[in-house]
Protein backbone atom coordinates (compact mmCIF):
# COMPACT_ATOMS: atom_id res chain seq x y z
CA MET A 1 -59.50 47.75 23.20
CA GLU A 2 -59.56 50.92 25.31
CA ASN A 3 -55.78 51.12 25.15
CA ASN A 4 -55.87 50.90 21.35
CA ARG A 5 -58.45 53.68 21.20
CA THR A 6 -56.32 55.88 23.44
CA TRP A 7 -53.26 55.38 21.26
CA PHE A 8 -55.28 56.01 18.09
CA VAL A 9 -56.59 59.34 19.43
CA LYS A 10 -53.07 60.30 20.53
CA GLY A 11 -51.81 59.52 17.02
CA ILE A 12 -54.48 61.76 15.48
CA ARG A 13 -53.57 64.59 17.84
CA ASP A 14 -49.83 64.28 17.16
CA GLY A 15 -50.46 64.00 13.42
CA ILE A 16 -52.33 67.31 13.03
CA PRO A 17 -49.13 69.38 12.47
CA ILE A 18 -47.96 66.79 9.92
CA SER A 19 -51.28 66.98 8.11
CA LEU A 20 -51.16 70.78 7.89
CA GLY A 21 -47.62 70.64 6.53
CA TYR A 22 -48.62 68.01 3.99
CA LEU A 23 -51.57 70.13 2.88
CA ALA A 24 -49.28 73.04 2.01
CA VAL A 25 -46.61 70.95 0.28
CA SER A 26 -48.98 68.75 -1.69
CA PHE A 27 -50.75 71.85 -3.04
CA THR A 28 -47.64 72.56 -5.12
CA LEU A 29 -47.60 68.87 -5.97
CA GLY A 30 -51.09 69.22 -7.44
CA ILE A 31 -49.96 72.15 -9.57
CA ALA A 32 -47.02 70.09 -10.81
CA ALA A 33 -49.42 67.24 -11.61
CA LYS A 34 -51.63 69.60 -13.59
CA ASN A 35 -48.61 70.86 -15.53
CA ALA A 36 -47.68 67.24 -16.30
CA GLY A 37 -51.10 66.69 -17.85
CA LEU A 38 -52.72 64.60 -15.10
CA THR A 39 -56.39 64.92 -14.24
CA GLY A 40 -57.62 65.56 -10.72
CA PHE A 41 -58.57 61.90 -10.31
CA GLN A 42 -55.20 60.65 -11.59
CA ALA A 43 -53.19 62.98 -9.34
CA THR A 44 -55.35 62.22 -6.31
CA TRP A 45 -55.11 58.48 -6.89
CA MET A 46 -51.34 58.79 -7.12
CA SER A 47 -51.27 60.57 -3.74
CA ILE A 48 -53.50 57.89 -2.22
CA THR A 49 -51.25 55.05 -3.39
CA ASN A 50 -47.83 56.77 -3.29
CA LEU A 51 -47.24 58.87 -0.16
CA THR A 52 -43.90 60.35 -1.13
CA SER A 53 -43.22 63.86 -2.35
CA ALA A 54 -39.84 62.99 -3.87
CA GLY A 55 -41.23 60.01 -5.76
CA GLN A 56 -44.27 61.87 -7.03
CA PHE A 57 -42.40 64.99 -8.12
CA ALA A 58 -39.86 62.80 -9.93
CA ALA A 59 -42.70 60.88 -11.56
CA PHE A 60 -44.30 64.06 -12.87
CA GLY A 61 -41.03 65.12 -14.41
CA LEU A 62 -40.58 61.74 -16.05
CA ILE A 63 -44.19 61.74 -17.28
CA THR A 64 -43.61 65.12 -18.89
CA LEU A 65 -40.55 63.72 -20.66
CA GLY A 66 -42.49 60.66 -21.81
CA VAL A 67 -40.02 58.08 -20.49
CA PRO A 68 -40.87 54.35 -20.67
CA TYR A 69 -42.70 52.74 -17.75
CA ILE A 70 -39.71 50.59 -16.86
CA GLU A 71 -37.52 53.65 -16.30
CA MET A 72 -40.16 55.23 -14.12
CA ALA A 73 -40.57 52.04 -12.09
CA ILE A 74 -36.82 51.68 -11.48
CA ALA A 75 -36.49 55.37 -10.61
CA GLN A 76 -39.32 55.05 -8.06
CA LEU A 77 -37.67 51.96 -6.58
CA ILE A 78 -34.36 53.77 -6.10
CA ILE A 79 -35.87 57.04 -4.84
CA ASN A 80 -38.16 55.32 -2.33
CA LEU A 81 -35.77 52.59 -1.24
CA ARG A 82 -35.19 54.33 2.09
CA TYR A 83 -38.75 53.47 3.11
CA CYS A 84 -37.73 49.81 3.19
CA LEU A 85 -35.12 50.68 5.82
CA MET A 86 -37.63 52.74 7.78
CA SER A 87 -40.14 49.89 7.67
CA CYS A 88 -37.54 47.46 8.99
CA SER A 89 -36.83 49.82 11.89
CA LEU A 90 -40.53 50.23 12.66
CA SER A 91 -41.07 46.48 12.57
CA GLN A 92 -38.56 46.19 15.42
CA LYS A 93 -40.60 48.68 17.46
CA LEU A 94 -43.76 46.59 17.16
CA ASP A 95 -44.50 43.80 19.59
CA SER A 96 -43.14 40.52 18.23
CA GLU A 97 -46.54 38.93 18.86
CA ALA A 98 -48.44 41.57 16.85
CA PRO A 99 -50.35 40.05 13.89
CA PHE A 100 -48.61 40.35 10.54
CA PHE A 101 -51.38 42.48 9.02
CA HIS A 102 -50.44 45.31 11.41
CA ARG A 103 -47.01 45.44 9.80
CA LEU A 104 -48.57 45.66 6.34
CA LEU A 105 -50.96 48.46 7.33
CA VAL A 106 -48.26 50.45 9.12
CA ALA A 107 -45.97 50.07 6.10
CA TYR A 108 -48.52 51.82 3.87
CA GLY A 109 -48.13 55.09 5.76
CA VAL A 110 -44.37 55.11 6.27
CA THR A 111 -43.22 58.63 5.42
CA ASP A 112 -40.27 60.53 6.85
CA GLU A 113 -42.46 62.43 9.31
CA ILE A 114 -44.69 59.54 10.39
CA PHE A 115 -41.64 57.33 10.79
CA GLY A 116 -39.84 59.93 12.91
CA VAL A 117 -42.81 60.49 15.23
CA SER A 118 -43.52 56.75 15.55
CA MET A 119 -39.91 55.92 16.38
CA HIS A 120 -39.86 58.44 19.23
CA VAL A 121 -42.62 56.59 21.10
CA ALA A 122 -41.17 55.22 24.32
CA GLY A 123 -41.04 51.44 24.50
CA LYS A 124 -42.96 49.24 22.09
CA LEU A 125 -45.02 50.91 19.37
CA ASN A 126 -48.77 50.34 19.45
CA PRO A 127 -49.77 50.14 15.74
CA PHE A 128 -52.96 52.10 16.47
CA TYR A 129 -50.81 55.13 17.26
CA THR A 130 -49.35 55.01 13.76
CA TYR A 131 -52.83 54.40 12.34
CA GLY A 132 -53.92 57.65 14.00
CA LEU A 133 -50.99 59.48 12.43
CA ILE A 134 -51.81 58.05 9.00
CA CYS A 135 -55.54 58.75 9.27
CA ILE A 136 -54.96 62.48 9.81
CA ALA A 137 -51.75 63.01 7.80
CA ALA A 138 -52.61 61.10 4.61
CA PRO A 139 -55.90 63.00 3.98
CA GLY A 140 -53.95 66.28 4.27
CA TRP A 141 -51.59 65.09 1.55
CA ILE A 142 -54.40 63.82 -0.66
CA LEU A 143 -56.61 66.89 -0.22
CA GLY A 144 -53.73 69.26 -0.92
CA THR A 145 -52.98 67.43 -4.17
CA LEU A 146 -56.59 67.68 -5.30
CA LEU A 147 -56.81 71.37 -4.42
CA GLY A 148 -53.59 72.01 -6.33
CA VAL A 149 -54.96 70.39 -9.48
CA ILE A 150 -58.26 72.26 -9.15
CA SER A 151 -56.40 75.54 -8.70
CA GLY A 152 -54.29 74.73 -11.74
CA ASN A 153 -57.47 74.44 -13.78
CA ILE A 154 -59.13 77.69 -12.67
CA LEU A 155 -56.40 80.16 -11.70
CA PRO A 156 -54.74 82.47 -14.27
CA ALA A 157 -51.38 81.42 -15.70
CA ARG A 158 -49.51 84.26 -13.94
CA ILE A 159 -50.76 83.22 -10.52
CA LEU A 160 -49.91 79.57 -11.22
CA SER A 161 -46.42 80.61 -12.27
CA ALA A 162 -46.01 82.49 -8.99
CA LEU A 163 -47.36 79.56 -6.95
CA SER A 164 -44.98 77.19 -8.72
CA VAL A 165 -42.11 79.03 -7.05
CA ALA A 166 -43.27 77.41 -3.82
CA LEU A 167 -42.04 74.11 -5.24
CA TYR A 168 -38.46 75.36 -5.33
CA GLY A 169 -38.91 76.86 -1.88
CA MET A 170 -39.94 73.44 -0.61
CA PHE A 171 -36.82 71.80 -2.00
CA ILE A 172 -34.64 74.53 -0.50
CA ALA A 173 -36.35 74.05 2.87
CA ILE A 174 -35.64 70.33 2.62
CA ILE A 175 -31.98 70.69 1.67
CA ILE A 176 -30.80 73.57 3.89
CA PRO A 177 -31.40 72.13 7.42
CA PRO A 178 -29.41 68.89 6.96
CA THR A 179 -26.62 70.63 5.00
CA ARG A 180 -26.15 73.18 7.78
CA LYS A 181 -25.84 70.40 10.36
CA ASP A 182 -23.60 68.04 8.37
CA LYS A 183 -20.75 69.07 6.06
CA VAL A 184 -20.78 65.64 4.43
CA ILE A 185 -24.39 66.09 3.32
CA ALA A 186 -23.57 69.61 2.10
CA GLY A 187 -20.71 68.23 0.03
CA LEU A 188 -22.88 65.48 -1.41
CA VAL A 189 -25.53 68.01 -2.43
CA VAL A 190 -22.90 70.03 -4.32
CA VAL A 191 -21.49 66.87 -5.92
CA SER A 192 -24.99 65.79 -6.95
CA MET A 193 -25.69 69.16 -8.57
CA MET A 194 -22.39 69.16 -10.47
CA ALA A 195 -22.83 65.54 -11.59
CA SER A 196 -26.35 66.28 -12.79
CA LEU A 197 -25.04 69.25 -14.77
CA LEU A 198 -22.33 67.11 -16.37
CA PHE A 199 -24.79 64.35 -17.23
CA THR A 200 -26.96 66.94 -18.95
CA TYR A 201 -24.27 68.48 -21.18
CA LEU A 202 -21.53 65.88 -21.77
CA PRO A 203 -21.77 64.62 -25.39
CA PHE A 204 -22.22 60.90 -24.79
CA ILE A 205 -23.84 60.86 -21.36
CA SER A 206 -26.42 63.51 -22.28
CA LYS A 207 -27.97 61.01 -24.68
CA ILE A 208 -28.99 58.80 -21.74
CA SER A 209 -32.67 59.28 -20.93
CA ALA A 210 -33.60 61.46 -17.95
CA GLY A 211 -35.02 58.50 -16.03
CA PHE A 212 -31.84 56.44 -16.21
CA ARG A 213 -29.70 59.50 -15.44
CA ILE A 214 -31.57 59.86 -12.15
CA ILE A 215 -31.14 56.14 -11.43
CA ILE A 216 -27.41 56.12 -12.25
CA LEU A 217 -26.61 59.26 -10.25
CA THR A 218 -28.63 58.14 -7.24
CA VAL A 219 -27.03 54.70 -7.08
CA ILE A 220 -23.46 55.91 -7.65
CA ILE A 221 -23.48 58.92 -5.32
CA ALA A 222 -25.48 57.21 -2.56
CA GLY A 223 -23.30 54.10 -2.83
CA ILE A 224 -20.04 56.05 -2.60
CA ALA A 225 -21.38 58.08 0.34
CA ALA A 226 -22.46 54.93 2.17
CA VAL A 227 -18.98 53.42 1.79
CA LEU A 228 -16.94 56.54 2.60
CA PHE A 229 -19.20 58.08 5.25
CA PRO A 230 -21.13 55.31 7.03
CA ILE A 231 -23.50 56.27 9.84
CA LYS A 232 -22.45 54.58 13.06
CA GLY A 233 -23.93 53.98 16.49
CA GLU A 234 -26.67 56.27 17.75
CA ASP A 235 -26.35 58.53 14.68
CA ALA A 236 -27.97 55.80 12.61
CA LYS A 237 -31.19 56.42 14.58
CA GLY A 238 -31.23 60.13 13.80
CA GLU A 239 -33.42 62.20 11.54
CA TYR A 240 -34.53 61.31 8.05
CA TYR A 241 -35.09 63.96 5.41
CA GLU A 242 -37.45 63.92 2.41
CA SER A 243 -35.54 64.43 -0.80
């Protein structure tokens, strides 16, 4: 019991920087939620049940476009599929005798940052360490979302417009580091941008709904990249980036 408490406190301590980062990023998420027409409760509930910036931002865009639920569900499945791989990796870090409910609880908080920190624990992973990370990081994400929605309701339109620029800054900050380290990723980013542009303006393809365009592009480009540029050996245990 004492060992579990020690690991839990260590997780909270290590998760403070993650929580502060989540607070800043999810603030722009809350503004995006407000612009999509969601209430504070709806946006906050989404952050409680869906800890993924990429999935939530995509959802807000699809909500704004009024796409059917099935398209949104499939898009979320494709966008967040990487969390299944992360969960499989984390399950191998847990003790094989750990009760199954630990795996379920840990899976709830699998984000890029929590996964990365948990995987760097030497030896077997004590689930209470990840619980500590989740308990401090998730509230930062949730609170930031709520504050963003509240700010969207009370701040003048000009200030909101200026704050919305932070959203694009976040995406740039996400894309630039991996593209500078890996030319393959840089090439895929360019290909993705060009393909998205073509899908928007080509006569026949442009008639496909936004939700299915995201699904098609993600599956095709990610599938081709996986076949042509597979990650091998130790590289497969490297960093994961939120997209």
